[in-house]
Protein backbone atom coordinates (compact mmCIF):
# COMPACT_ATOMS: atom_id res chain seq x y z
CA MET A 1 7.34 -35.15 -43.27
CA ASP A 2 6.99 -31.66 -44.71
CA LEU A 3 10.15 -30.95 -46.74
CA ASN A 4 9.37 -27.21 -46.80
CA LEU A 5 9.34 -27.13 -50.60
CA SER A 6 5.82 -25.78 -51.02
CA GLY A 7 5.87 -22.63 -53.13
CA ARG A 8 9.58 -22.92 -53.95
CA THR A 9 10.73 -22.90 -57.56
CA ILE A 10 12.90 -25.78 -58.73
CA ILE A 11 14.45 -26.24 -62.19
CA VAL A 12 14.75 -29.81 -63.48
CA THR A 13 16.72 -30.51 -66.65
CA GLY A 14 16.22 -33.66 -68.70
CA ALA A 15 12.68 -33.84 -67.31
CA SER A 16 10.92 -35.71 -70.11
CA SER A 17 11.74 -39.23 -68.90
CA GLY A 18 13.37 -41.37 -66.23
CA VAL A 19 14.83 -39.65 -63.19
CA GLY A 20 13.94 -36.16 -64.38
CA LEU A 21 10.30 -37.07 -64.86
CA ALA A 22 10.12 -38.83 -61.48
CA THR A 23 11.74 -35.85 -59.77
CA THR A 24 9.29 -33.44 -61.38
CA ARG A 25 6.37 -35.60 -60.25
CA LEU A 26 7.62 -35.75 -56.65
CA LEU A 27 8.36 -32.01 -56.50
CA LEU A 28 4.83 -31.23 -57.65
CA ALA A 29 3.49 -33.58 -54.99
CA GLU A 30 5.52 -31.65 -52.40
CA GLY A 31 3.87 -28.40 -53.51
CA ALA A 32 6.85 -26.94 -55.38
CA GLN A 33 6.70 -24.91 -58.57
CA VAL A 34 8.68 -26.75 -61.22
CA ALA A 35 10.42 -25.39 -64.29
CA ALA A 36 11.13 -28.42 -66.45
CA CYS A 37 13.20 -28.52 -69.62
CA ALA A 38 14.42 -30.99 -72.22
CA ARG A 39 15.69 -30.74 -75.76
CA ASP A 40 12.39 -31.97 -77.19
CA GLY A 41 9.92 -29.42 -75.85
CA GLU A 42 6.89 -30.96 -77.52
CA ARG A 43 7.54 -34.38 -75.99
CA LEU A 44 8.20 -32.75 -72.63
CA ARG A 45 4.85 -30.97 -72.60
CA SER A 46 3.05 -34.13 -73.68
CA VAL A 47 4.63 -36.24 -70.94
CA LEU A 48 4.17 -33.73 -68.11
CA SER A 49 0.70 -32.45 -68.93
CA ASP A 50 -1.10 -35.24 -67.06
CA LEU A 51 0.98 -35.14 -63.87
CA PRO A 52 -0.95 -34.39 -60.68
CA GLY A 53 -0.50 -30.73 -59.79
CA ALA A 54 0.67 -29.80 -63.29
CA SER A 55 -1.36 -26.61 -63.49
CA PRO A 56 -0.05 -23.63 -65.49
CA HIS A 57 0.79 -21.66 -62.35
CA ARG A 58 2.90 -24.51 -60.91
CA LEU A 59 4.57 -26.10 -63.93
CA PHE A 60 6.55 -24.29 -66.63
CA THR A 61 8.01 -26.26 -69.53
CA ALA A 62 10.33 -25.24 -72.35
CA SER A 63 12.88 -26.65 -74.75
CA CYS A 64 16.49 -26.12 -73.70
CA ASP A 65 19.86 -27.41 -74.86
CA VAL A 66 21.90 -27.32 -71.66
CA THR A 67 25.16 -27.72 -73.58
CA ASP A 68 24.55 -24.30 -75.11
CA ARG A 69 25.20 -21.41 -72.71
CA ASP A 70 22.80 -19.02 -74.44
CA SER A 71 20.02 -21.60 -74.42
CA ALA A 72 20.55 -22.23 -70.71
CA GLN A 73 20.46 -18.50 -70.00
CA ARG A 74 17.29 -17.96 -72.03
CA PHE A 75 15.54 -20.76 -70.20
CA THR A 76 16.63 -19.47 -66.80
CA ASP A 77 15.49 -15.95 -67.67
CA ALA A 78 12.14 -17.35 -68.76
CA VAL A 79 11.78 -19.19 -65.44
CA LEU A 80 12.44 -15.98 -63.54
CA GLY A 81 9.89 -14.22 -65.71
CA GLU A 82 7.34 -16.92 -64.96
CA PHE A 83 7.90 -17.52 -61.24
CA GLY A 84 10.09 -14.62 -60.08
CA SER A 85 12.62 -16.78 -58.22
CA ILE A 86 14.74 -19.92 -58.36
CA ASP A 87 15.32 -21.93 -55.20
CA GLY A 88 16.73 -25.17 -56.55
CA LEU A 89 18.35 -26.70 -59.61
CA VAL A 90 18.50 -30.36 -60.61
CA CYS A 91 21.09 -30.97 -63.33
CA ASN A 92 19.88 -34.27 -64.68
CA ALA A 93 20.33 -34.11 -68.47
CA GLY A 94 22.55 -37.00 -69.46
CA ARG A 95 23.07 -40.36 -71.11
CA SER A 96 25.60 -43.19 -71.18
CA LEU A 97 27.84 -44.01 -74.14
CA MET A 98 28.41 -47.75 -74.25
CA ALA A 99 31.83 -47.89 -75.92
CA THR A 100 35.42 -48.80 -75.10
CA LEU A 101 38.35 -46.45 -75.68
CA ASP A 102 39.08 -48.10 -79.02
CA ASP A 103 35.48 -47.65 -80.13
CA THR A 104 35.16 -43.97 -79.09
CA ASP A 105 36.20 -41.29 -81.56
CA ASP A 106 37.34 -37.81 -80.55
CA GLN A 107 33.97 -36.15 -81.20
CA ALA A 108 32.12 -38.71 -79.08
CA PHE A 109 34.55 -37.99 -76.24
CA ARG A 110 33.99 -34.26 -76.59
CA ASP A 111 30.23 -34.74 -76.69
CA GLU A 112 30.30 -36.64 -73.39
CA PHE A 113 32.23 -33.84 -71.66
CA GLU A 114 30.01 -31.19 -73.23
CA LEU A 115 26.90 -32.82 -71.82
CA LYS A 116 28.22 -33.82 -68.40
CA ILE A 117 30.31 -30.72 -67.62
CA PHE A 118 28.69 -27.87 -69.52
CA GLY A 119 25.23 -29.38 -68.99
CA SER A 120 25.70 -28.57 -65.31
CA TRP A 121 28.00 -25.55 -65.47
CA ASN A 122 25.85 -23.63 -67.97
CA MET A 123 22.77 -24.04 -65.81
CA VAL A 124 24.55 -23.23 -62.54
CA ARG A 125 26.06 -19.99 -63.76
CA ALA A 126 22.77 -18.95 -65.37
CA ALA A 127 20.88 -19.53 -62.10
CA ARG A 128 23.62 -18.58 -59.60
CA LYS A 129 22.39 -15.09 -58.76
CA ALA A 130 18.80 -16.21 -58.28
CA LEU A 131 19.88 -19.17 -56.15
CA ALA A 132 21.90 -16.85 -53.93
CA GLU A 133 18.91 -14.54 -53.52
CA SER A 134 16.72 -17.48 -52.50
CA GLY A 135 18.27 -17.84 -49.07
CA ALA A 136 17.89 -21.62 -49.42
CA GLY A 137 19.51 -22.28 -52.79
CA SER A 138 20.35 -25.87 -53.59
CA VAL A 139 21.88 -27.64 -56.60
CA VAL A 140 21.81 -31.40 -57.14
CA ASN A 141 23.97 -32.88 -59.88
CA VAL A 142 22.66 -36.27 -60.97
CA ASN A 143 25.81 -38.27 -61.58
CA ALA A 144 26.82 -41.95 -61.51
CA ILE A 145 28.84 -44.40 -59.45
CA LEU A 146 30.96 -44.58 -62.61
CA SER A 147 32.50 -41.30 -61.43
CA ARG A 148 34.35 -43.25 -58.72
CA GLN A 149 34.30 -46.72 -60.21
CA PRO A 150 34.95 -46.53 -63.97
CA GLU A 151 34.15 -49.26 -66.46
CA SER A 152 36.17 -49.86 -69.61
CA ARG A 153 33.00 -50.46 -71.67
CA LEU A 154 31.85 -46.93 -70.71
CA ALA A 155 35.21 -45.25 -71.14
CA ALA A 156 34.24 -41.71 -72.15
CA THR A 157 31.19 -41.63 -69.89
CA SER A 158 33.26 -42.78 -66.89
CA ALA A 159 35.83 -40.04 -67.49
CA ALA A 160 33.19 -37.35 -67.92
CA ARG A 161 31.33 -38.52 -64.81
CA ALA A 162 34.55 -38.30 -62.76
CA ALA A 163 35.09 -34.76 -64.04
CA LEU A 164 31.54 -33.81 -63.05
CA LEU A 165 32.06 -35.14 -59.52
CA ASN A 166 35.22 -33.07 -59.21
CA LEU A 167 33.42 -29.99 -60.56
CA THR A 168 30.55 -30.54 -58.11
CA HIS A 169 32.92 -30.35 -55.15
CA THR A 170 34.46 -27.17 -56.54
CA LEU A 171 31.00 -25.69 -57.03
CA ALA A 172 30.06 -26.62 -53.46
CA GLU A 173 33.06 -24.72 -52.12
CA THR A 174 32.59 -21.76 -54.46
CA LEU A 175 28.83 -21.34 -54.05
CA ALA A 176 28.99 -21.75 -50.27
CA GLU A 177 29.85 -18.05 -50.15
CA ASP A 178 26.44 -17.41 -51.73
CA GLY A 179 24.69 -19.66 -49.23
CA THR A 180 23.94 -22.18 -51.99
CA ARG A 181 24.47 -25.89 -51.36
CA VAL A 182 25.71 -28.29 -54.08
CA ASN A 183 25.44 -32.07 -53.79
CA SER A 184 25.57 -35.20 -55.94
CA VAL A 185 23.40 -38.27 -56.32
CA LEU A 186 25.38 -41.14 -57.82
CA LEU A 187 23.34 -43.69 -59.74
CA GLY A 188 23.96 -47.34 -60.31
CA LEU A 189 21.77 -49.32 -62.70
CA ILE A 190 18.40 -47.61 -62.84
CA ASP A 191 15.43 -48.97 -64.78
CA THR A 192 14.94 -46.21 -67.35
CA GLY A 193 14.19 -46.02 -71.04
CA GLN A 194 17.81 -46.72 -71.99
CA TRP A 195 17.73 -50.16 -70.36
CA ARG A 196 14.31 -50.94 -71.83
CA ARG A 197 15.66 -50.14 -75.30
CA ARG A 198 18.71 -52.33 -74.73
CA PHE A 199 16.43 -55.18 -73.64
CA GLU A 200 14.24 -54.84 -76.72
CA SER A 201 17.26 -54.94 -79.03
CA SER A 202 19.04 -57.76 -77.17
CA GLY A 203 17.21 -60.63 -78.86
CA THR A 204 16.91 -62.44 -75.54
CA THR A 205 14.16 -64.96 -74.83
CA LEU A 206 14.11 -63.91 -71.16
CA SER A 207 11.49 -61.64 -69.64
CA TYR A 208 12.63 -58.13 -68.75
CA ASP A 209 12.71 -59.02 -65.03
CA GLU A 210 14.81 -62.12 -65.71
CA TRP A 211 17.11 -60.26 -68.10
CA SER A 212 17.68 -57.34 -65.70
CA ALA A 213 18.19 -59.66 -62.71
CA GLU A 214 20.85 -61.51 -64.67
CA ILE A 215 22.65 -58.24 -65.40
CA ALA A 216 22.33 -57.20 -61.76
CA ALA A 217 23.96 -60.47 -60.69
CA ASN A 218 26.77 -60.06 -63.24
CA ARG A 219 27.42 -56.48 -62.07
CA GLY A 220 27.55 -57.47 -58.41
CA ILE A 221 24.50 -55.50 -57.26
CA ALA A 222 23.91 -56.68 -53.70
CA LEU A 223 20.14 -56.15 -53.82
CA GLY A 224 19.92 -58.24 -57.00
CA ARG A 225 17.89 -55.83 -59.13
CA PHE A 226 17.87 -52.51 -60.95
CA GLY A 227 16.71 -49.45 -59.07
CA ASN A 228 13.85 -47.29 -60.28
CA ALA A 229 13.54 -43.59 -60.97
CA ASP A 230 11.31 -42.93 -57.95
CA GLU A 231 14.00 -44.30 -55.64
CA VAL A 232 16.45 -41.77 -57.08
CA ALA A 233 13.98 -38.86 -57.02
CA PHE A 234 13.46 -39.29 -53.28
CA HIS A 235 17.12 -38.51 -52.57
CA ILE A 236 17.23 -35.61 -55.02
CA VAL A 237 14.19 -33.96 -53.48
CA THR A 238 15.49 -34.54 -49.95
CA LEU A 239 18.75 -32.77 -50.82
CA LEU A 240 16.79 -29.86 -52.30
CA SER A 241 14.85 -29.45 -49.07
CA PRO A 242 15.80 -26.66 -46.65
CA ARG A 243 15.77 -29.42 -44.03
CA SER A 244 19.11 -30.50 -45.56
CA SER A 245 20.54 -27.05 -44.87
CA TYR A 246 23.85 -28.32 -43.41
CA THR A 247 24.56 -30.76 -46.24
CA THR A 248 26.82 -29.66 -49.09
CA ALA A 249 29.60 -31.32 -51.13
CA ALA A 250 27.98 -34.66 -50.24
CA THR A 251 27.36 -37.66 -52.46
CA ILE A 252 24.59 -40.22 -52.04
CA ASP A 253 24.92 -43.57 -53.79
CA VAL A 254 21.70 -45.02 -55.19
CA GLY A 255 23.05 -48.25 -56.61
CA GLY A 256 21.74 -51.21 -54.64
CA GLY A 257 25.14 -51.88 -53.10
CA VAL A 258 27.12 -52.07 -56.33
CA ALA A 259 29.84 -49.66 -55.20
CA ARG A 260 33.17 -51.37 -54.56
CA TYR A 261 35.13 -48.29 -53.52
CA VAL A 262 35.70 -47.44 -49.85
């Protein structure tokens, strides 16, 4: 199916690994022009340079700290200078802080909200005018099932994720007047670099597949495994498509059936 993304310009934050990298790859395959950013610009360029379709006229990369409003604005201005338009925005920059309330200091709490809330809000307000001018503007906030189903071992992250989900619905209502759609993809356990690092430091004698399957069983994932970044990217890119033109303020769970909320 043609998703009508050919020639459209999409920004992807946190594009150097995991879901951001997979989304960039799929967008290029769909013929889109991609403006990719991450804090480590050198690593970003190294990772993306070999992607199919990653020619200079279709892929723009730059360092950007999405928690800093000026940095977000500079990057967005550079994208407009490079491609002349912005049709979509994927707010993907993020991480999880594995810590209980008792183990989370005030600064760590603030850092989680800075990244989850301002990481999206800074990019949205920087790109808002261009998205409105697109005629098919779309924002996808990459969030987590934690936003609706918190875990005590991820206390600050759960709270920040819930705040981002709330903000996403407000943005959907506010930006509807511009003709811009705003949606969420909520992740469960996805096989990314974070989980690989946890496996390597776990000291387990199990293989990665055995170790991850054991975690999946303990977390109640119905499909019995972690998801992968490509499975998430599919939903992100579908929501960006003009074919999803009547979908806004929606959430799509990509969690293998782990959600327990109704």
